[in-house]
Amino acid sequence: MYQKLIIIGNLGRDPEMRYTPEGKAVTSLNVATSRKGREKDETTWFRVTVWEKQAEACNQFLKKGSRVLVEGRLTPDTNGGPRVYQKKDGTWAGSFDMYAETVRFLSARSEEAGSEPSTGTDDDIPF
């Protein structure tokens, strides 16, 4: 059995890096992907976990609005599905957790200066 997920999206907020008690770097990214539909646009959020040297690079070079390509695998909740949460407006939504194997930076530095993500708003971010 094998799974691989590839997403392209924009960071909804700046990366958050921390260290494990063993001293390993781990960075969390909130990535919004979007798809234009006939009736409405669709945004899907992914919580991406990046480890070690790649985590440090993400923390150093990425910021809110950066476009990234992430390759990795889904990490389901204890029931094998996405994480379900209640939004501020009381409606229910889900987010997907992903373990990154590779993160590629797609934004040029000049594009990132003062740019905002092209998808979603801070109210849409579930975490």
N, C-alpha and C. Protein backbone atom coordinates (compact mmCIF):
# COMPACT_ATOMS: atom_id res chain seq x y z
N MET A 1 0.83 -1.18 0.00
CA MET A 1 0.00 0.00 0.00
C MET A 1 0.88 1.24 0.00
N TYR A 2 0.39 2.26 -0.69
CA TYR A 2 1.17 3.48 -0.84
C TYR A 2 0.24 4.65 -1.13
N GLN A 3 0.54 5.80 -0.58
CA GLN A 3 -0.21 7.00 -0.91
C GLN A 3 0.76 8.16 -1.05
N LYS A 4 0.45 9.06 -1.95
CA LYS A 4 1.22 10.29 -2.12
C LYS A 4 0.25 11.39 -2.48
N LEU A 5 0.40 12.52 -1.82
CA LEU A 5 -0.46 13.66 -2.04
C LEU A 5 0.43 14.81 -2.49
N ILE A 6 -0.01 15.52 -3.53
CA ILE A 6 0.71 16.70 -4.01
C ILE A 6 -0.28 17.86 -4.01
N ILE A 7 0.08 18.93 -3.33
CA ILE A 7 -0.77 20.12 -3.30
C ILE A 7 0.05 21.34 -3.68
N ILE A 8 -0.63 22.33 -4.26
CA ILE A 8 -0.04 23.64 -4.53
C ILE A 8 -0.99 24.65 -3.93
N GLY A 9 -0.46 25.55 -3.12
CA GLY A 9 -1.30 26.55 -2.49
C GLY A 9 -0.49 27.66 -1.87
N ASN A 10 -1.18 28.51 -1.13
CA ASN A 10 -0.57 29.65 -0.47
C ASN A 10 -0.65 29.48 1.04
N LEU A 11 0.40 29.97 1.73
CA LEU A 11 0.38 29.95 3.19
C LEU A 11 -0.64 30.96 3.70
N GLY A 12 -1.48 30.53 4.61
CA GLY A 12 -2.49 31.40 5.20
C GLY A 12 -1.97 32.21 6.36
N ARG A 13 -0.82 31.85 6.87
CA ARG A 13 -0.15 32.60 7.95
C ARG A 13 1.32 32.25 7.92
N ASP A 14 2.12 32.96 8.70
CA ASP A 14 3.55 32.68 8.75
C ASP A 14 3.80 31.29 9.33
N PRO A 15 4.89 30.63 8.91
CA PRO A 15 5.23 29.32 9.48
C PRO A 15 5.46 29.42 10.99
N GLU A 16 5.20 28.32 11.68
CA GLU A 16 5.43 28.26 13.13
C GLU A 16 6.41 27.12 13.40
N MET A 17 7.62 27.47 13.84
CA MET A 17 8.65 26.45 14.10
C MET A 17 8.84 26.25 15.60
N ARG A 18 9.09 25.03 15.97
CA ARG A 18 9.41 24.68 17.35
C ARG A 18 10.40 23.53 17.32
N TYR A 19 10.86 23.12 18.47
CA TYR A 19 11.81 22.00 18.56
C TYR A 19 11.24 20.93 19.48
N THR A 20 11.47 19.68 19.12
CA THR A 20 11.07 18.57 19.99
C THR A 20 12.02 18.52 21.17
N PRO A 21 11.68 17.78 22.25
CA PRO A 21 12.61 17.64 23.38
C PRO A 21 13.96 17.04 22.94
N GLU A 22 13.96 16.29 21.84
CA GLU A 22 15.20 15.70 21.33
C GLU A 22 16.00 16.69 20.48
N GLY A 23 15.46 17.89 20.26
CA GLY A 23 16.17 18.92 19.51
C GLY A 23 15.89 18.94 18.01
N LYS A 24 14.89 18.19 17.54
CA LYS A 24 14.56 18.18 16.11
C LYS A 24 13.62 19.34 15.80
N ALA A 25 13.93 20.05 14.71
CA ALA A 25 13.08 21.16 14.28
C ALA A 25 11.82 20.62 13.62
N VAL A 26 10.69 21.24 13.92
CA VAL A 26 9.41 20.90 13.28
C VAL A 26 8.67 22.21 13.02
N THR A 27 8.23 22.37 11.78
CA THR A 27 7.53 23.59 11.37
C THR A 27 6.13 23.24 10.89
N SER A 28 5.16 24.04 11.30
CA SER A 28 3.77 23.86 10.86
C SER A 28 3.45 24.92 9.82
N LEU A 29 2.85 24.47 8.71
CA LEU A 29 2.40 25.37 7.66
C LEU A 29 0.90 25.21 7.49
N ASN A 30 0.20 26.29 7.26
CA ASN A 30 -1.23 26.26 6.95
C ASN A 30 -1.35 26.65 5.49
N VAL A 31 -1.69 25.68 4.65
CA VAL A 31 -1.72 25.89 3.20
C VAL A 31 -3.15 25.83 2.69
N ALA A 32 -3.55 26.86 1.96
CA ALA A 32 -4.87 26.93 1.33
C ALA A 32 -4.74 26.61 -0.15
N THR A 33 -5.52 25.65 -0.60
CA THR A 33 -5.60 25.35 -2.02
C THR A 33 -6.97 25.80 -2.51
N SER A 34 -7.07 26.14 -3.77
CA SER A 34 -8.37 26.59 -4.26
C SER A 34 -8.68 25.98 -5.61
N ARG A 35 -9.97 25.95 -5.89
CA ARG A 35 -10.47 25.43 -7.16
C ARG A 35 -11.67 26.26 -7.54
N LYS A 36 -11.69 26.69 -8.78
CA LYS A 36 -12.83 27.47 -9.27
C LYS A 36 -13.92 26.51 -9.70
N GLY A 37 -15.11 26.70 -9.15
CA GLY A 37 -16.24 25.87 -9.51
C GLY A 37 -17.22 26.65 -10.36
N ARG A 38 -18.19 25.96 -10.91
CA ARG A 38 -19.20 26.63 -11.73
C ARG A 38 -20.06 27.56 -10.89
N GLU A 39 -20.41 27.10 -9.70
CA GLU A 39 -21.32 27.88 -8.87
C GLU A 39 -20.60 28.66 -7.77
N LYS A 40 -19.49 28.13 -7.28
CA LYS A 40 -18.73 28.86 -6.26
C LYS A 40 -17.30 28.35 -6.23
N ASP A 41 -16.42 29.18 -5.66
CA ASP A 41 -15.02 28.78 -5.51
C ASP A 41 -14.91 27.89 -4.28
N GLU A 42 -13.96 26.98 -4.31
CA GLU A 42 -13.78 26.00 -3.23
C GLU A 42 -12.37 26.14 -2.67
N THR A 43 -12.25 26.32 -1.36
CA THR A 43 -10.95 26.40 -0.69
C THR A 43 -10.82 25.23 0.27
N THR A 44 -9.69 24.54 0.19
CA THR A 44 -9.40 23.44 1.10
C THR A 44 -8.11 23.78 1.84
N TRP A 45 -8.15 23.64 3.17
CA TRP A 45 -7.00 23.93 4.01
C TRP A 45 -6.27 22.65 4.39
N PHE A 46 -4.95 22.72 4.40
CA PHE A 46 -4.11 21.61 4.84
C PHE A 46 -3.18 22.10 5.94
N ARG A 47 -3.10 21.33 7.01
CA ARG A 47 -2.11 21.56 8.06
C ARG A 47 -0.92 20.69 7.72
N VAL A 48 0.19 21.31 7.37
CA VAL A 48 1.37 20.58 6.89
C VAL A 48 2.45 20.61 7.96
N THR A 49 3.01 19.44 8.27
CA THR A 49 4.11 19.33 9.23
C THR A 49 5.38 19.00 8.46
N VAL A 50 6.41 19.81 8.70
CA VAL A 50 7.71 19.66 8.03
C VAL A 50 8.76 19.45 9.11
N TRP A 51 9.72 18.55 8.85
CA TRP A 51 10.71 18.18 9.86
C TRP A 51 12.14 18.55 9.47
N GLU A 52 12.96 18.72 10.49
CA GLU A 52 14.41 18.88 10.47
C GLU A 52 14.91 20.01 9.57
N LYS A 53 15.90 19.77 8.68
CA LYS A 53 16.49 20.85 7.89
C LYS A 53 15.46 21.54 7.01
N GLN A 54 14.55 20.77 6.45
CA GLN A 54 13.51 21.34 5.61
C GLN A 54 12.60 22.26 6.44
N ALA A 55 12.35 21.89 7.70
CA ALA A 55 11.55 22.71 8.60
C ALA A 55 12.24 24.05 8.84
N GLU A 56 13.54 24.03 9.05
CA GLU A 56 14.28 25.26 9.28
C GLU A 56 14.26 26.16 8.05
N ALA A 57 14.40 25.56 6.85
CA ALA A 57 14.37 26.35 5.61
C ALA A 57 12.99 26.97 5.41
N CYS A 58 11.94 26.21 5.67
CA CYS A 58 10.58 26.76 5.54
C CYS A 58 10.37 27.93 6.47
N ASN A 59 10.83 27.80 7.70
CA ASN A 59 10.67 28.86 8.68
C ASN A 59 11.46 30.11 8.27
N GLN A 60 12.61 29.92 7.67
CA GLN A 60 13.47 31.03 7.29
C GLN A 60 12.98 31.76 6.04
N PHE A 61 12.51 31.03 5.04
CA PHE A 61 12.25 31.63 3.73
C PHE A 61 10.77 31.83 3.38
N LEU A 62 9.86 31.19 4.09
CA LEU A 62 8.44 31.32 3.76
C LEU A 62 7.76 32.30 4.71
N LYS A 63 6.66 32.87 4.23
CA LYS A 63 5.83 33.75 5.06
C LYS A 63 4.41 33.71 4.54
N LYS A 64 3.51 34.35 5.24
CA LYS A 64 2.11 34.39 4.82
C LYS A 64 2.03 34.85 3.36
N GLY A 65 1.28 34.09 2.56
CA GLY A 65 1.13 34.41 1.14
C GLY A 65 2.07 33.66 0.22
N SER A 66 3.13 33.05 0.76
CA SER A 66 4.06 32.30 -0.08
C SER A 66 3.35 31.15 -0.76
N ARG A 67 3.67 30.94 -2.04
CA ARG A 67 3.10 29.81 -2.79
C ARG A 67 4.09 28.65 -2.68
N VAL A 68 3.56 27.47 -2.36
CA VAL A 68 4.39 26.27 -2.20
C VAL A 68 3.78 25.07 -2.90
N LEU A 69 4.62 24.13 -3.26
CA LEU A 69 4.20 22.81 -3.71
C LEU A 69 4.67 21.85 -2.64
N VAL A 70 3.76 21.07 -2.11
CA VAL A 70 4.09 20.12 -1.04
C VAL A 70 3.78 18.71 -1.50
N GLU A 71 4.75 17.81 -1.34
CA GLU A 71 4.54 16.39 -1.60
C GLU A 71 4.64 15.67 -0.28
N GLY A 72 3.72 14.75 -0.03
CA GLY A 72 3.75 14.02 1.22
C GLY A 72 2.60 13.05 1.31
N ARG A 73 2.19 12.80 2.55
CA ARG A 73 1.09 11.85 2.78
C ARG A 73 0.12 12.45 3.79
N LEU A 74 -1.14 12.02 3.69
CA LEU A 74 -2.14 12.44 4.65
C LEU A 74 -1.91 11.74 5.98
N THR A 75 -2.16 12.44 7.05
CA THR A 75 -2.13 11.83 8.38
C THR A 75 -3.52 11.99 8.98
N PRO A 76 -4.32 10.92 8.95
CA PRO A 76 -5.71 11.02 9.40
C PRO A 76 -5.83 11.15 10.91
N ASP A 77 -7.04 11.55 11.37
CA ASP A 77 -7.30 11.58 12.80
C ASP A 77 -7.46 10.14 13.30
N THR A 78 -7.82 9.98 14.56
CA THR A 78 -7.91 8.64 15.14
C THR A 78 -8.97 7.77 14.47
N ASN A 79 -9.94 8.40 13.80
CA ASN A 79 -10.99 7.64 13.11
C ASN A 79 -10.66 7.40 11.63
N GLY A 80 -9.50 7.86 11.18
CA GLY A 80 -9.10 7.65 9.80
C GLY A 80 -9.59 8.69 8.82
N GLY A 81 -10.12 9.80 9.31
CA GLY A 81 -10.65 10.84 8.44
C GLY A 81 -10.01 12.19 8.69
N PRO A 82 -10.55 13.24 8.07
CA PRO A 82 -10.04 14.59 8.30
C PRO A 82 -10.43 15.08 9.69
N ARG A 83 -9.74 16.12 10.15
CA ARG A 83 -10.07 16.73 11.44
C ARG A 83 -11.29 17.62 11.25
N VAL A 84 -12.32 17.40 12.04
CA VAL A 84 -13.55 18.18 11.95
C VAL A 84 -13.55 19.21 13.07
N TYR A 85 -13.97 20.44 12.75
CA TYR A 85 -13.98 21.52 13.73
C TYR A 85 -15.16 22.44 13.45
N GLN A 86 -15.50 23.25 14.45
CA GLN A 86 -16.58 24.21 14.30
C GLN A 86 -15.98 25.60 14.09
N LYS A 87 -16.40 26.28 13.02
CA LYS A 87 -15.89 27.60 12.70
C LYS A 87 -16.51 28.64 13.62
N LYS A 88 -15.95 29.86 13.58
CA LYS A 88 -16.43 30.94 14.44
C LYS A 88 -17.91 31.25 14.21
N ASP A 89 -18.38 31.04 12.98
CA ASP A 89 -19.79 31.34 12.69
C ASP A 89 -20.73 30.19 13.06
N GLY A 90 -20.18 29.12 13.65
CA GLY A 90 -21.00 28.00 14.10
C GLY A 90 -21.16 26.86 13.10
N THR A 91 -20.72 27.07 11.87
CA THR A 91 -20.80 26.00 10.87
C THR A 91 -19.65 25.02 11.05
N TRP A 92 -19.83 23.82 10.52
CA TRP A 92 -18.82 22.78 10.65
C TRP A 92 -17.98 22.69 9.38
N ALA A 93 -16.72 22.35 9.55
CA ALA A 93 -15.80 22.21 8.42
C ALA A 93 -14.76 21.16 8.77
N GLY A 94 -13.91 20.83 7.83
CA GLY A 94 -12.85 19.86 8.07
C GLY A 94 -11.53 20.37 7.53
N SER A 95 -10.44 19.91 8.11
CA SER A 95 -9.11 20.22 7.60
C SER A 95 -8.35 18.91 7.48
N PHE A 96 -7.34 18.94 6.67
CA PHE A 96 -6.56 17.75 6.40
C PHE A 96 -5.14 17.95 6.91
N ASP A 97 -4.63 16.98 7.65
CA ASP A 97 -3.27 17.02 8.16
C ASP A 97 -2.37 16.26 7.20
N MET A 98 -1.20 16.84 6.93
CA MET A 98 -0.29 16.27 5.95
C MET A 98 1.12 16.28 6.50
N TYR A 99 1.83 15.17 6.30
CA TYR A 99 3.24 15.05 6.65
C TYR A 99 4.03 15.31 5.37
N ALA A 100 4.85 16.36 5.36
CA ALA A 100 5.58 16.74 4.15
C ALA A 100 6.85 15.93 3.98
N GLU A 101 7.03 15.40 2.78
CA GLU A 101 8.30 14.79 2.40
C GLU A 101 9.18 15.81 1.68
N THR A 102 8.53 16.66 0.85
CA THR A 102 9.23 17.69 0.08
C THR A 102 8.38 18.95 0.05
N VAL A 103 9.02 20.09 0.26
CA VAL A 103 8.36 21.38 0.12
C VAL A 103 9.17 22.19 -0.88
N ARG A 104 8.51 22.64 -1.95
CA ARG A 104 9.17 23.45 -2.97
C ARG A 104 8.60 24.86 -2.89
N PHE A 105 9.49 25.84 -2.88
CA PHE A 105 9.09 27.24 -2.81
C PHE A 105 8.81 27.72 -4.23
N LEU A 106 7.59 28.19 -4.49
CA LEU A 106 7.19 28.61 -5.84
C LEU A 106 7.14 30.12 -6.02
N SER A 107 7.08 30.88 -4.94
CA SER A 107 7.01 32.34 -5.05
C SER A 107 8.40 32.92 -5.21
N ALA A 108 8.51 33.89 -6.12
CA ALA A 108 9.75 34.67 -6.20
C ALA A 108 9.74 35.64 -5.04
N ARG A 109 10.90 36.02 -4.57
CA ARG A 109 10.96 36.95 -3.42
C ARG A 109 10.21 38.25 -3.72
N SER A 110 10.29 38.75 -4.96
CA SER A 110 9.61 39.99 -5.30
C SER A 110 8.09 39.84 -5.25
N GLU A 111 7.59 38.64 -5.55
CA GLU A 111 6.15 38.39 -5.49
C GLU A 111 5.64 38.37 -4.06
N GLU A 112 6.51 37.96 -3.13
CA GLU A 112 6.10 37.82 -1.74
C GLU A 112 6.05 39.15 -1.00
N ALA A 113 6.80 40.12 -1.46
CA ALA A 113 6.85 41.40 -0.75
C ALA A 113 5.48 42.05 -0.73
N GLY A 114 4.87 42.08 0.43
CA GLY A 114 3.58 42.72 0.59
C GLY A 114 2.40 41.98 0.01
N SER A 115 2.60 40.73 -0.43
CA SER A 115 1.48 40.01 -1.03
C SER A 115 0.66 39.30 0.04
N GLU A 116 -0.59 39.09 -0.27
CA GLU A 116 -1.50 38.34 0.57
C GLU A 116 -1.84 37.05 -0.13
N PRO A 117 -2.26 36.02 0.58
CA PRO A 117 -2.63 34.79 -0.10
C PRO A 117 -3.82 35.03 -1.02
N SER A 118 -3.84 34.30 -2.12
CA SER A 118 -4.91 34.50 -3.10
C SER A 118 -6.16 33.73 -2.73
N THR A 119 -6.10 32.89 -1.71
CA THR A 119 -7.26 32.10 -1.34
C THR A 119 -7.52 32.19 0.14
N GLY A 120 -8.78 32.23 0.50
CA GLY A 120 -9.17 32.16 1.91
C GLY A 120 -8.95 33.46 2.65
N THR A 121 -9.48 33.50 3.86
CA THR A 121 -9.28 34.62 4.77
C THR A 121 -8.88 34.06 6.11
N ASP A 122 -8.42 34.93 7.00
CA ASP A 122 -8.03 34.47 8.34
C ASP A 122 -9.18 33.80 9.06
N ASP A 123 -10.43 34.23 8.79
CA ASP A 123 -11.58 33.62 9.44
C ASP A 123 -11.78 32.18 8.99
N ASP A 124 -11.27 31.82 7.80
CA ASP A 124 -11.43 30.47 7.28
C ASP A 124 -10.41 29.50 7.87
N ILE A 125 -9.32 30.03 8.47
CA ILE A 125 -8.26 29.15 8.96
C ILE A 125 -8.73 28.46 10.23
N PRO A 126 -8.72 27.13 10.23
CA PRO A 126 -9.28 26.40 11.36
C PRO A 126 -8.35 26.25 12.55
N PHE A 127 -7.13 26.73 12.48
CA PHE A 127 -6.17 26.49 13.55
C PHE A 127 -5.28 27.67 13.76
